[in-house]
């Protein structure tokens, strides 16, 4: 879909690897590998700004339909792979998004 194609272009431009993508009803989970020169918050900023711009360009009606004309809200969560949480746990969590009405937690995996 268009969102995933946009992520692919971002990856090519910034040398990000989108290892896992989970799209749920009203949010997105990504497992992203990036160069050390980018802080996790900068990675999120790049992804949010470019995807919003491209999606509004492709689907102009979105901007009218969304509250305040913003695609992404200001919040979000950034976690890193490390002690206690490995990449495989995060991949399983992301892949299971949208499969249950109960809220999944990383500790479930």
PDB file of N, CA and C in Angstrom:
ATOM      1  N   UNK A   1       0.820  -1.187   0.000  1.00  0.00           N
ATOM      2  CA  UNK A   1       0.000   0.000   0.000  1.00  0.00           C
ATOM      3  C   UNK A   1       0.867   1.255   0.000  1.00  0.00           C
ATOM      4  N   UNK A   2       0.229   2.391  -0.135  1.00  0.00           N
ATOM      5  CA  UNK A   2       0.962   3.648  -0.311  1.00  0.00           C
ATOM      6  C   UNK A   2       1.822   3.997   0.900  1.00  0.00           C
ATOM      7  N   UNK A   3       1.296   3.741   2.089  1.00  0.00           N
ATOM      8  CA  UNK A   3       2.056   4.031   3.306  1.00  0.00           C
ATOM      9  C   UNK A   3       3.359   3.231   3.333  1.00  0.00           C
ATOM     10  N   UNK A   4       3.268   1.952   3.042  1.00  0.00           N
ATOM     11  CA  UNK A   4       4.473   1.108   3.051  1.00  0.00           C
ATOM     12  C   UNK A   4       5.452   1.515   1.955  1.00  0.00           C
ATOM     13  N   UNK A   5       4.938   1.920   0.814  1.00  0.00           N
ATOM     14  CA  UNK A   5       5.820   2.411  -0.260  1.00  0.00           C
ATOM     15  C   UNK A   5       6.531   3.694   0.163  1.00  0.00           C
ATOM     16  N   UNK A   6       5.815   4.539   0.882  1.00  0.00           N
ATOM     17  CA  UNK A   6       6.431   5.769   1.388  1.00  0.00           C
ATOM     18  C   UNK A   6       7.539   5.432   2.378  1.00  0.00           C
ATOM     19  N   UNK A   7       7.293   4.458   3.250  1.00  0.00           N
ATOM     20  CA  UNK A   7       8.334   4.029   4.188  1.00  0.00           C
ATOM     21  C   UNK A   7       9.553   3.481   3.449  1.00  0.00           C
ATOM     22  N   UNK A   8       9.305   2.753   2.383  1.00  0.00           N
ATOM     23  CA  UNK A   8      10.417   2.205   1.592  1.00  0.00           C
ATOM     24  C   UNK A   8      11.285   3.335   1.035  1.00  0.00           C
ATOM     25  N   UNK A   9      10.645   4.382   0.525  1.00  0.00           N
ATOM     26  CA  UNK A   9      11.390   5.528  -0.009  1.00  0.00           C
ATOM     27  C   UNK A   9      12.176   6.240   1.091  1.00  0.00           C
ATOM     28  N   UNK A  10      11.571   6.366   2.261  1.00  0.00           N
ATOM     29  CA  UNK A  10      12.277   6.970   3.396  1.00  0.00           C
ATOM     30  C   UNK A  10      13.499   6.125   3.743  1.00  0.00           C
ATOM     31  N   UNK A  11      13.305   4.818   3.760  1.00  0.00           N
ATOM     32  CA  UNK A  11      14.413   3.917   4.059  1.00  0.00           C
ATOM     33  C   UNK A  11      15.563   4.066   3.087  1.00  0.00           C
ATOM     34  N   UNK A  12      15.236   4.192   1.813  1.00  0.00           N
ATOM     35  CA  UNK A  12      16.280   4.360   0.793  1.00  0.00           C
ATOM     36  C   UNK A  12      17.014   5.685   0.964  1.00  0.00           C
ATOM     37  N   UNK A  13      16.285   6.723   1.302  1.00  0.00           N
ATOM     38  CA  UNK A  13      16.891   8.051   1.427  1.00  0.00           C
ATOM     39  C   UNK A  13      17.755   8.183   2.688  1.00  0.00           C
ATOM     40  N   UNK A  14      17.268   7.634   3.797  1.00  0.00           N
ATOM     41  CA  UNK A  14      17.946   7.818   5.084  1.00  0.00           C
ATOM     42  C   UNK A  14      18.684   6.559   5.565  1.00  0.00           C
ATOM     43  N   UNK A  15      18.670   5.524   4.757  1.00  0.00           N
ATOM     44  CA  UNK A  15      19.316   4.256   5.116  1.00  0.00           C
ATOM     45  C   UNK A  15      18.700   3.648   6.381  1.00  0.00           C
ATOM     46  N   UNK A  16      17.365   3.717   6.461  1.00  0.00           N
ATOM     47  CA  UNK A  16      16.628   3.042   7.518  1.00  0.00           C
ATOM     48  C   UNK A  16      16.212   1.679   6.985  1.00  0.00           C
ATOM     49  N   UNK A  17      16.165   0.706   7.856  1.00  0.00           N
ATOM     50  CA  UNK A  17      15.613  -0.596   7.519  1.00  0.00           C
ATOM     51  C   UNK A  17      14.355  -0.792   8.351  1.00  0.00           C
ATOM     52  N   UNK A  18      13.223  -0.930   7.680  1.00  0.00           N
ATOM     53  CA  UNK A  18      11.964  -1.194   8.366  1.00  0.00           C
ATOM     54  C   UNK A  18      11.825  -2.706   8.463  1.00  0.00           C
ATOM     55  N   UNK A  19      12.227  -3.251   9.603  1.00  0.00           N
ATOM     56  CA  UNK A  19      12.261  -4.700   9.775  1.00  0.00           C
ATOM     57  C   UNK A  19      10.870  -5.293   9.922  1.00  0.00           C
ATOM     58  N   UNK A  20      10.001  -4.587  10.639  1.00  0.00           N
ATOM     59  CA  UNK A  20       8.636  -5.058  10.842  1.00  0.00           C
ATOM     60  C   UNK A  20       7.711  -3.848  10.850  1.00  0.00           C
ATOM     61  N   UNK A  21       6.574  -3.995  10.181  1.00  0.00           N
ATOM     62  CA  UNK A  21       5.577  -2.928  10.118  1.00  0.00           C
ATOM     63  C   UNK A  21       4.242  -3.513  10.554  1.00  0.00           C
ATOM     64  N   UNK A  22       3.625  -2.902  11.541  1.00  0.00           N
ATOM     65  CA  UNK A  22       2.312  -3.333  12.002  1.00  0.00           C
ATOM     66  C   UNK A  22       1.345  -2.166  11.935  1.00  0.00           C
ATOM     67  N   UNK A  23       0.302  -2.320  11.154  1.00  0.00           N
ATOM     68  CA  UNK A  23      -0.684  -1.250  11.005  1.00  0.00           C
ATOM     69  C   UNK A  23      -1.984  -1.723  11.632  1.00  0.00           C
ATOM     70  N   UNK A  24      -2.443  -0.990  12.624  1.00  0.00           N
ATOM     71  CA  UNK A  24      -3.690  -1.316  13.299  1.00  0.00           C
ATOM     72  C   UNK A  24      -4.726  -0.263  12.926  1.00  0.00           C
ATOM     73  N   UNK A  25      -5.871  -0.342  13.532  1.00  0.00           N
ATOM     74  CA  UNK A  25      -6.985   0.539  13.174  1.00  0.00           C
ATOM     75  C   UNK A  25      -6.631   2.022  13.274  1.00  0.00           C
ATOM     76  N   UNK A  26      -5.942   2.403  14.339  1.00  0.00           N
ATOM     77  CA  UNK A  26      -5.663   3.828  14.522  1.00  0.00           C
ATOM     78  C   UNK A  26      -4.224   4.125  14.946  1.00  0.00           C
ATOM     79  N   UNK A  27      -3.324   3.177  14.743  1.00  0.00           N
ATOM     80  CA  UNK A  27      -1.926   3.423  15.070  1.00  0.00           C
ATOM     81  C   UNK A  27      -1.012   2.481  14.301  1.00  0.00           C
ATOM     82  N   UNK A  28       0.264   2.789  14.356  1.00  0.00           N
ATOM     83  CA  UNK A  28       1.272   2.037  13.608  1.00  0.00           C
ATOM     84  C   UNK A  28       2.404   1.667  14.555  1.00  0.00           C
ATOM     85  N   UNK A  29       2.914   0.458  14.390  1.00  0.00           N
ATOM     86  CA  UNK A  29       4.108   0.029  15.109  1.00  0.00           C
ATOM     87  C   UNK A  29       5.179  -0.278  14.076  1.00  0.00           C
ATOM     88  N   UNK A  30       6.383   0.197  14.320  1.00  0.00           N
ATOM     89  CA  UNK A  30       7.495  -0.041  13.403  1.00  0.00           C
ATOM     90  C   UNK A  30       8.709  -0.517  14.183  1.00  0.00           C
ATOM     91  N   UNK A  31       9.396  -1.487  13.639  1.00  0.00           N
ATOM     92  CA  UNK A  31      10.718  -1.861  14.138  1.00  0.00           C
ATOM     93  C   UNK A  31      11.689  -1.360  13.084  1.00  0.00           C
ATOM     94  N   UNK A  32      12.464  -0.343  13.448  1.00  0.00           N
ATOM     95  CA  UNK A  32      13.316   0.364  12.496  1.00  0.00           C
ATOM     96  C   UNK A  32      14.769   0.251  12.928  1.00  0.00           C
ATOM     97  N   UNK A  33      15.608  -0.050  11.978  1.00  0.00           N
ATOM     98  CA  UNK A  33      17.048  -0.017  12.213  1.00  0.00           C
ATOM     99  C   UNK A  33      17.591   1.197  11.478  1.00  0.00           C
ATOM    100  N   UNK A  34      18.405   1.991  12.178  1.00  0.00           N
ATOM    101  CA  UNK A  34      18.943   3.202  11.555  1.00  0.00           C
ATOM    102  C   UNK A  34      20.417   3.355  11.896  1.00  0.00           C
ATOM    103  N   UNK A  35      21.046   4.265  11.194  1.00  0.00           N
ATOM    104  CA  UNK A  35      22.446   4.577  11.470  1.00  0.00           C
ATOM    105  C   UNK A  35      22.545   5.252  12.834  1.00  0.00           C
ATOM    106  N   UNK A  36      23.660   5.044  13.540  1.00  0.00           N
ATOM    107  CA  UNK A  36      23.822   5.643  14.868  1.00  0.00           C
ATOM    108  C   UNK A  36      23.772   7.171  14.879  1.00  0.00           C
ATOM    109  N   UNK A  37      23.966   7.791  13.725  1.00  0.00           N
ATOM    110  CA  UNK A  37      23.946   9.262  13.703  1.00  0.00           C
ATOM    111  C   UNK A  37      22.556   9.833  13.963  1.00  0.00           C
ATOM    112  N   UNK A  38      21.518   8.998  13.855  1.00  0.00           N
ATOM    113  CA  UNK A  38      20.151   9.446  14.101  1.00  0.00           C
ATOM    114  C   UNK A  38      19.700   8.994  15.486  1.00  0.00           C
ATOM    115  N   UNK A  39      19.252   9.934  16.294  1.00  0.00           N
ATOM    116  CA  UNK A  39      18.662   9.560  17.578  1.00  0.00           C
ATOM    117  C   UNK A  39      17.295   8.929  17.309  1.00  0.00           C
ATOM    118  N   UNK A  40      16.800   8.100  18.228  1.00  0.00           N
ATOM    119  CA  UNK A  40      15.463   7.525  18.024  1.00  0.00           C
ATOM    120  C   UNK A  40      14.387   8.587  17.794  1.00  0.00           C
ATOM    121  N   UNK A  41      14.451   9.699  18.521  1.00  0.00           N
ATOM    122  CA  UNK A  41      13.432  10.740  18.326  1.00  0.00           C
ATOM    123  C   UNK A  41      13.550  11.396  16.949  1.00  0.00           C
ATOM    124  N   UNK A  42      14.770  11.512  16.427  1.00  0.00           N
ATOM    125  CA  UNK A  42      14.951  12.079  15.088  1.00  0.00           C
ATOM    126  C   UNK A  42      14.402  11.122  14.029  1.00  0.00           C
ATOM    127  N   UNK A  43      14.585   9.828  14.223  1.00  0.00           N
ATOM    128  CA  UNK A  43      14.023   8.831  13.302  1.00  0.00           C
ATOM    129  C   UNK A  43      12.504   8.992  13.244  1.00  0.00           C
ATOM    130  N   UNK A  44      11.875   9.101  14.401  1.00  0.00           N
ATOM    131  CA  UNK A  44      10.416   9.265  14.451  1.00  0.00           C
ATOM    132  C   UNK A  44      10.001  10.567  13.773  1.00  0.00           C
ATOM    133  N   UNK A  45      10.727  11.636  14.029  1.00  0.00           N
ATOM    134  CA  UNK A  45      10.420  12.932  13.410  1.00  0.00           C
ATOM    135  C   UNK A  45      10.479  12.835  11.886  1.00  0.00           C
ATOM    136  N   UNK A  46      11.502  12.201  11.361  1.00  0.00           N
ATOM    137  CA  UNK A  46      11.643  12.030   9.911  1.00  0.00           C
ATOM    138  C   UNK A  46      10.470  11.237   9.352  1.00  0.00           C
ATOM    139  N   UNK A  47      10.175  10.116   9.987  1.00  0.00           N
ATOM    140  CA  UNK A  47       9.102   9.242   9.505  1.00  0.00           C
ATOM    141  C   UNK A  47       7.755   9.964   9.546  1.00  0.00           C
ATOM    142  N   UNK A  48       7.449  10.605  10.661  1.00  0.00           N
ATOM    143  CA  UNK A  48       6.154  11.289  10.788  1.00  0.00           C
ATOM    144  C   UNK A  48       6.009  12.428   9.781  1.00  0.00           C
ATOM    145  N   UNK A  49       7.037  13.246   9.645  1.00  0.00           N
ATOM    146  CA  UNK A  49       6.895  14.411   8.763  1.00  0.00           C
ATOM    147  C   UNK A  49       6.767  14.004   7.301  1.00  0.00           C
ATOM    148  N   UNK A  50       7.576  13.061   6.855  1.00  0.00           N
ATOM    149  CA  UNK A  50       7.527  12.669   5.441  1.00  0.00           C
ATOM    150  C   UNK A  50       6.266  11.882   5.121  1.00  0.00           C
ATOM    151  N   UNK A  51       5.878  10.941   5.990  1.00  0.00           N
ATOM    152  CA  UNK A  51       4.664  10.167   5.691  1.00  0.00           C
ATOM    153  C   UNK A  51       3.435  11.067   5.674  1.00  0.00           C
ATOM    154  N   UNK A  52       3.333  12.000   6.614  1.00  0.00           N
ATOM    155  CA  UNK A  52       2.174  12.906   6.619  1.00  0.00           C
ATOM    156  C   UNK A  52       2.127  13.726   5.336  1.00  0.00           C
ATOM    157  N   UNK A  53       3.252  14.300   4.965  1.00  0.00           N
ATOM    158  CA  UNK A  53       3.303  15.122   3.748  1.00  0.00           C
ATOM    159  C   UNK A  53       2.902  14.309   2.519  1.00  0.00           C
ATOM    160  N   UNK A  54       3.451  13.112   2.388  1.00  0.00           N
ATOM    161  CA  UNK A  54       3.166  12.277   1.218  1.00  0.00           C
ATOM    162  C   UNK A  54       1.729  11.766   1.205  1.00  0.00           C
ATOM    163  N   UNK A  55       1.209  11.389   2.365  1.00  0.00           N
ATOM    164  CA  UNK A  55      -0.171  10.904   2.412  1.00  0.00           C
ATOM    165  C   UNK A  55      -1.169  12.020   2.123  1.00  0.00           C
ATOM    166  N   UNK A  56      -0.912  13.226   2.619  1.00  0.00           N
ATOM    167  CA  UNK A  56      -1.790  14.356   2.303  1.00  0.00           C
ATOM    168  C   UNK A  56      -1.726  14.708   0.822  1.00  0.00           C
ATOM    169  N   UNK A  57      -0.555  14.567   0.233  1.00  0.00           N
ATOM    170  CA  UNK A  57      -0.415  14.847  -1.196  1.00  0.00           C
ATOM    171  C   UNK A  57      -1.198  13.815  -2.020  1.00  0.00           C
ATOM    172  N   UNK A  58      -1.097  12.551  -1.632  1.00  0.00           N
ATOM    173  CA  UNK A  58      -1.759  11.472  -2.368  1.00  0.00           C
ATOM    174  C   UNK A  58      -3.266  11.435  -2.099  1.00  0.00           C
ATOM    175  N   UNK A  59      -3.660  11.747  -0.867  1.00  0.00           N
ATOM    176  CA  UNK A  59      -5.066  11.677  -0.455  1.00  0.00           C
ATOM    177  C   UNK A  59      -5.473  13.010   0.184  1.00  0.00           C
ATOM    178  N   UNK A  60      -5.736  14.050  -0.617  1.00  0.00           N
ATOM    179  CA  UNK A  60      -6.024  15.390  -0.082  1.00  0.00           C
ATOM    180  C   UNK A  60      -7.216  15.427   0.875  1.00  0.00           C
ATOM    181  N   UNK A  61      -8.149  14.508   0.705  1.00  0.00           N
ATOM    182  CA  UNK A  61      -9.330  14.499   1.574  1.00  0.00           C
ATOM    183  C   UNK A  61      -8.977  14.177   3.023  1.00  0.00           C
ATOM    184  N   UNK A  62      -7.852  13.519   3.238  1.00  0.00           N
ATOM    185  CA  UNK A  62      -7.426  13.192   4.601  1.00  0.00           C
ATOM    186  C   UNK A  62      -7.273  14.434   5.464  1.00  0.00           C
ATOM    187  N   UNK A  63      -6.663  15.443   4.915  1.00  0.00           N
ATOM    188  CA  UNK A  63      -6.397  16.661   5.678  1.00  0.00           C
ATOM    189  C   UNK A  63      -7.695  17.322   6.140  1.00  0.00           C
ATOM    190  N   UNK A  64      -8.723  17.226   5.317  1.00  0.00           N
ATOM    191  CA  UNK A  64     -10.018  17.802   5.676  1.00  0.00           C
ATOM    192  C   UNK A  64     -10.721  16.959   6.735  1.00  0.00           C
ATOM    193  N   UNK A  65     -10.550  15.630   6.639  1.00  0.00           N
ATOM    194  CA  UNK A  65     -11.244  14.714   7.540  1.00  0.00           C
ATOM    195  C   UNK A  65     -10.613  14.631   8.925  1.00  0.00           C
ATOM    196  N   UNK A  66      -9.337  14.923   9.027  1.00  0.00           N
ATOM    197  CA  UNK A  66      -8.646  14.785  10.306  1.00  0.00           C
ATOM    198  C   UNK A  66      -8.784  16.040  11.153  1.00  0.00           C
ATOM    199  N   UNK A  67      -8.941  15.830  12.442  1.00  0.00           N
ATOM    200  CA  UNK A  67      -9.087  16.921  13.394  1.00  0.00           C
ATOM    201  C   UNK A  67      -7.842  17.792  13.371  1.00  0.00           C
ATOM    202  N   UNK A  68      -7.988  19.046  13.048  1.00  0.00           N
ATOM    203  CA  UNK A  68      -6.871  19.973  13.034  1.00  0.00           C
ATOM    204  C   UNK A  68      -5.922  19.799  11.869  1.00  0.00           C
ATOM    205  N   UNK A  69      -6.258  18.919  10.933  1.00  0.00           N
ATOM    206  CA  UNK A  69      -5.413  18.717   9.765  1.00  0.00           C
ATOM    207  C   UNK A  69      -4.068  18.079  10.040  1.00  0.00           C
ATOM    208  N   UNK A  70      -3.937  17.386  11.170  1.00  0.00           N
ATOM    209  CA  UNK A  70      -2.679  16.712  11.491  1.00  0.00           C
ATOM    210  C   UNK A  70      -2.853  15.212  11.349  1.00  0.00           C
ATOM    211  N   UNK A  71      -1.933  14.577  10.628  1.00  0.00           N
ATOM    212  CA  UNK A  71      -2.020  13.135  10.436  1.00  0.00           C
ATOM    213  C   UNK A  71      -1.596  12.391  11.694  1.00  0.00           C
ATOM    214  N   UNK A  72      -0.495  12.786  12.284  1.00  0.00           N
ATOM    215  CA  UNK A  72       0.033  12.140  13.486  1.00  0.00           C
ATOM    216  C   UNK A  72      -0.262  13.009  14.695  1.00  0.00           C
ATOM    217  N   UNK A  73      -0.531  12.365  15.834  1.00  0.00           N
ATOM    218  CA  UNK A  73      -0.633  13.162  17.055  1.00  0.00           C
ATOM    219  C   UNK A  73       0.774  13.419  17.579  1.00  0.00           C
ATOM    220  N   UNK A  74       0.877  14.294  18.553  1.00  0.00           N
ATOM    221  CA  UNK A  74       2.188  14.674  19.064  1.00  0.00           C
ATOM    222  C   UNK A  74       2.839  13.573  19.891  1.00  0.00           C
ATOM    223  N   UNK A  75       2.049  12.696  20.436  1.00  0.00           N
ATOM    224  CA  UNK A  75       2.579  11.649  21.303  1.00  0.00           C
ATOM    225  C   UNK A  75       3.189  10.506  20.527  1.00  0.00           C
ATOM    226  N   UNK A  76       3.614   9.545  21.268  1.00  0.00           N
ATOM    227  CA  UNK A  76       4.181   8.352  20.673  1.00  0.00           C
ATOM    228  C   UNK A  76       5.038   7.638  21.689  1.00  0.00           C
ATOM    229  N   UNK A  77       5.501   6.489  21.321  1.00  0.00           N
ATOM    230  CA  UNK A  77       6.364   5.706  22.197  1.00  0.00           C
ATOM    231  C   UNK A  77       7.587   5.286  21.404  1.00  0.00           C
ATOM    232  N   UNK A  78       8.742   5.432  22.015  1.00  0.00           N
ATOM    233  CA  UNK A  78       9.981   4.975  21.404  1.00  0.00           C
ATOM    234  C   UNK A  78      10.624   4.002  22.371  1.00  0.00           C
ATOM    235  N   UNK A  79      10.911   2.826  21.892  1.00  0.00           N
ATOM    236  CA  UNK A  79      11.645   1.843  22.677  1.00  0.00           C
ATOM    237  C   UNK A  79      12.824   1.375  21.862  1.00  0.00           C
ATOM    238  N   UNK A  80      13.835   0.904  22.538  1.00  0.00           N
ATOM    239  CA  UNK A  80      15.005   0.408  21.828  1.00  0.00           C
ATOM    240  C   UNK A  80      15.230  -1.051  22.170  1.00  0.00           C
ATOM    241  N   UNK A  81      15.842  -1.764  21.251  1.00  0.00           N
ATOM    242  CA  UNK A  81      16.191  -3.158  21.479  1.00  0.00           C
ATOM    243  C   UNK A  81      17.398  -3.169  22.401  1.00  0.00           C
ATOM    244  N   UNK A  82      17.321  -3.977  23.411  1.00  0.00           N
ATOM    245  CA  UNK A  82      18.437  -4.044  24.347  1.00  0.00           C
ATOM    246  C   UNK A  82      18.149  -5.055  25.433  1.00  0.00           C
ATOM    247  N   UNK A  83      18.699  -4.797  26.580  1.00  0.00           N
ATOM    248  CA  UNK A  83      18.560  -5.703  27.710  1.00  0.00           C
ATOM    249  C   UNK A  83      17.089  -5.871  28.087  1.00  0.00           C
ATOM    250  N   UNK A  84      16.635  -7.110  28.147  1.00  0.00           N
ATOM    251  CA  UNK A  84      15.262  -7.392  28.536  1.00  0.00           C
ATOM    252  C   UNK A  84      14.274  -7.473  27.388  1.00  0.00           C
ATOM    253  N   UNK A  85      14.525  -6.774  26.313  1.00  0.00           N
ATOM    254  CA  UNK A  85      13.627  -6.806  25.155  1.00  0.00           C
ATOM    255  C   UNK A  85      14.479  -6.959  23.903  1.00  0.00           C
ATOM    256  N   UNK A  86      14.362  -8.131  23.280  1.00  0.00           N
ATOM    257  CA  UNK A  86      15.148  -8.328  22.056  1.00  0.00           C
ATOM    258  C   UNK A  86      14.286  -8.096  20.820  1.00  0.00           C
ATOM    259  N   UNK A  87      14.923  -8.068  19.685  1.00  0.00           N
ATOM    260  CA  UNK A  87      14.232  -7.755  18.430  1.00  0.00           C
ATOM    261  C   UNK A  87      13.124  -8.752  18.122  1.00  0.00           C
ATOM    262  N   UNK A  88      13.322 -10.019  18.434  1.00  0.00           N
ATOM    263  CA  UNK A  88      12.304 -11.024  18.119  1.00  0.00           C
ATOM    264  C   UNK A  88      11.030 -10.801  18.934  1.00  0.00           C
ATOM    265  N   UNK A  89      11.168 -10.414  20.178  1.00  0.00           N
ATOM    266  CA  UNK A  89       9.993 -10.106  21.007  1.00  0.00           C
ATOM    267  C   UNK A  89       9.219  -8.941  20.399  1.00  0.00           C
ATOM    268  N   UNK A  90       9.926  -7.921  19.973  1.00  0.00           N
ATOM    269  CA  UNK A  90       9.266  -6.759  19.370  1.00  0.00           C
ATOM    270  C   UNK A  90       8.604  -7.140  18.051  1.00  0.00           C
ATOM    271  N   UNK A  91       9.277  -7.952  17.227  1.00  0.00           N
ATOM    272  CA  UNK A  91       8.674  -8.409  15.958  1.00  0.00           C
ATOM    273  C   UNK A  91       7.361  -9.139  16.210  1.00  0.00           C
ATOM    274  N   UNK A  92       7.339 -10.061  17.169  1.00  0.00           N
ATOM    275  CA  UNK A  92       6.120 -10.821  17.474  1.00  0.00           C
ATOM    276  C   UNK A  92       5.008  -9.892  17.943  1.00  0.00           C
ATOM    277  N   UNK A  93       5.359  -8.944  18.787  1.00  0.00           N
ATOM    278  CA  UNK A  93       4.377  -7.975  19.280  1.00  0.00           C
ATOM    279  C   UNK A  93       3.767  -7.191  18.119  1.00  0.00           C
ATOM    280  N   UNK A  94       4.605  -6.702  17.230  1.00  0.00           N
ATOM    281  CA  UNK A  94       4.122  -5.912  16.092  1.00  0.00           C
ATOM    282  C   UNK A  94       3.265  -6.765  15.165  1.00  0.00           C
ATOM    283  N   UNK A  95       3.698  -7.976  14.875  1.00  0.00           N
ATOM    284  CA  UNK A  95       2.940  -8.857  13.969  1.00  0.00           C
ATOM    285  C   UNK A  95       1.563  -9.200  14.516  1.00  0.00           C
ATOM    286  N   UNK A  96       1.401  -9.179  15.831  1.00  0.00           N
ATOM    287  CA  UNK A  96       0.124  -9.536  16.440  1.00  0.00           C
ATOM    288  C   UNK A  96      -0.808  -8.351  16.636  1.00  0.00           C
ATOM    289  N   UNK A  97      -0.418  -7.174  16.212  1.00  0.00           N
ATOM    290  CA  UNK A  97      -1.297  -6.013  16.328  1.00  0.00           C
ATOM    291  C   UNK A  97      -2.552  -6.236  15.491  1.00  0.00           C
ATOM    292  N   UNK A  98      -3.688  -5.902  16.079  1.00  0.00           N
ATOM    293  CA  UNK A  98      -4.950  -6.006  15.357  1.00  0.00           C
ATOM    294  C   UNK A  98      -5.556  -7.393  15.357  1.00  0.00           C
ATOM    295  N   UNK A  99      -4.914  -8.355  15.998  1.00  0.00           N
ATOM    296  CA  UNK A  99      -5.437  -9.726  15.984  1.00  0.00           C
ATOM    297  C   UNK A  99      -6.327 -10.050  17.165  1.00  0.00           C
ATOM    298  N   UNK A 100      -6.336  -9.195  18.159  1.00  0.00           N
ATOM    299  CA  UNK A 100      -7.129  -9.454  19.351  1.00  0.00           C
ATOM    300  C   UNK A 100      -7.738  -8.149  19.833  1.00  0.00           C
ATOM    301  N   UNK A 101      -8.893  -8.253  20.458  1.00  0.00           N
ATOM    302  CA  UNK A 101      -9.496  -7.048  21.011  1.00  0.00           C
ATOM    303  C   UNK A 101      -8.854  -6.670  22.339  1.00  0.00           C
ATOM    304  N   UNK A 102      -8.147  -7.604  22.962  1.00  0.00           N
ATOM    305  CA  UNK A 102      -7.437  -7.298  24.209  1.00  0.00           C
ATOM    306  C   UNK A 102      -6.134  -6.596  23.881  1.00  0.00           C
ATOM    307  N   UNK A 103      -5.748  -5.661  24.713  1.00  0.00           N
ATOM    308  CA  UNK A 103      -4.494  -4.941  24.506  1.00  0.00           C
ATOM    309  C   UNK A 103      -3.329  -5.890  24.770  1.00  0.00           C
ATOM    310  N   UNK A 104      -2.465  -6.027  23.785  1.00  0.00           N
ATOM    311  CA  UNK A 104      -1.282  -6.861  23.939  1.00  0.00           C
ATOM    312  C   UNK A 104      -0.179  -6.060  24.610  1.00  0.00           C
ATOM    313  N   UNK A 105       0.633  -6.759  25.395  1.00  0.00           N
ATOM    314  CA  UNK A 105       1.774  -6.128  26.046  1.00  0.00           C
ATOM    315  C   UNK A 105       3.034  -6.854  25.611  1.00  0.00           C
ATOM    316  N   UNK A 106       4.146  -6.139  25.578  1.00  0.00           N
ATOM    317  CA  UNK A 106       5.415  -6.779  25.229  1.00  0.00           C
ATOM    318  C   UNK A 106       5.707  -7.945  26.153  1.00  0.00           C
ATOM    319  N   UNK A 107       5.313  -7.835  27.410  1.00  0.00           N
ATOM    320  CA  UNK A 107       5.592  -8.908  28.372  1.00  0.00           C
ATOM    321  C   UNK A 107       4.826 -10.188  28.053  1.00  0.00           C
ATOM    322  N   UNK A 108       3.800 -10.106  27.191  1.00  0.00           N
ATOM    323  CA  UNK A 108       3.058 -11.301  26.781  1.00  0.00           C
ATOM    324  C   UNK A 108       3.886 -12.217  25.892  1.00  0.00           C
ATOM    325  N   UNK A 109       4.975 -11.704  25.358  1.00  0.00           N
ATOM    326  CA  UNK A 109       5.776 -12.467  24.424  1.00  0.00           C
ATOM    327  C   UNK A 109       7.043 -12.930  25.082  1.00  0.00           C
TER     328      UNK A 109
END
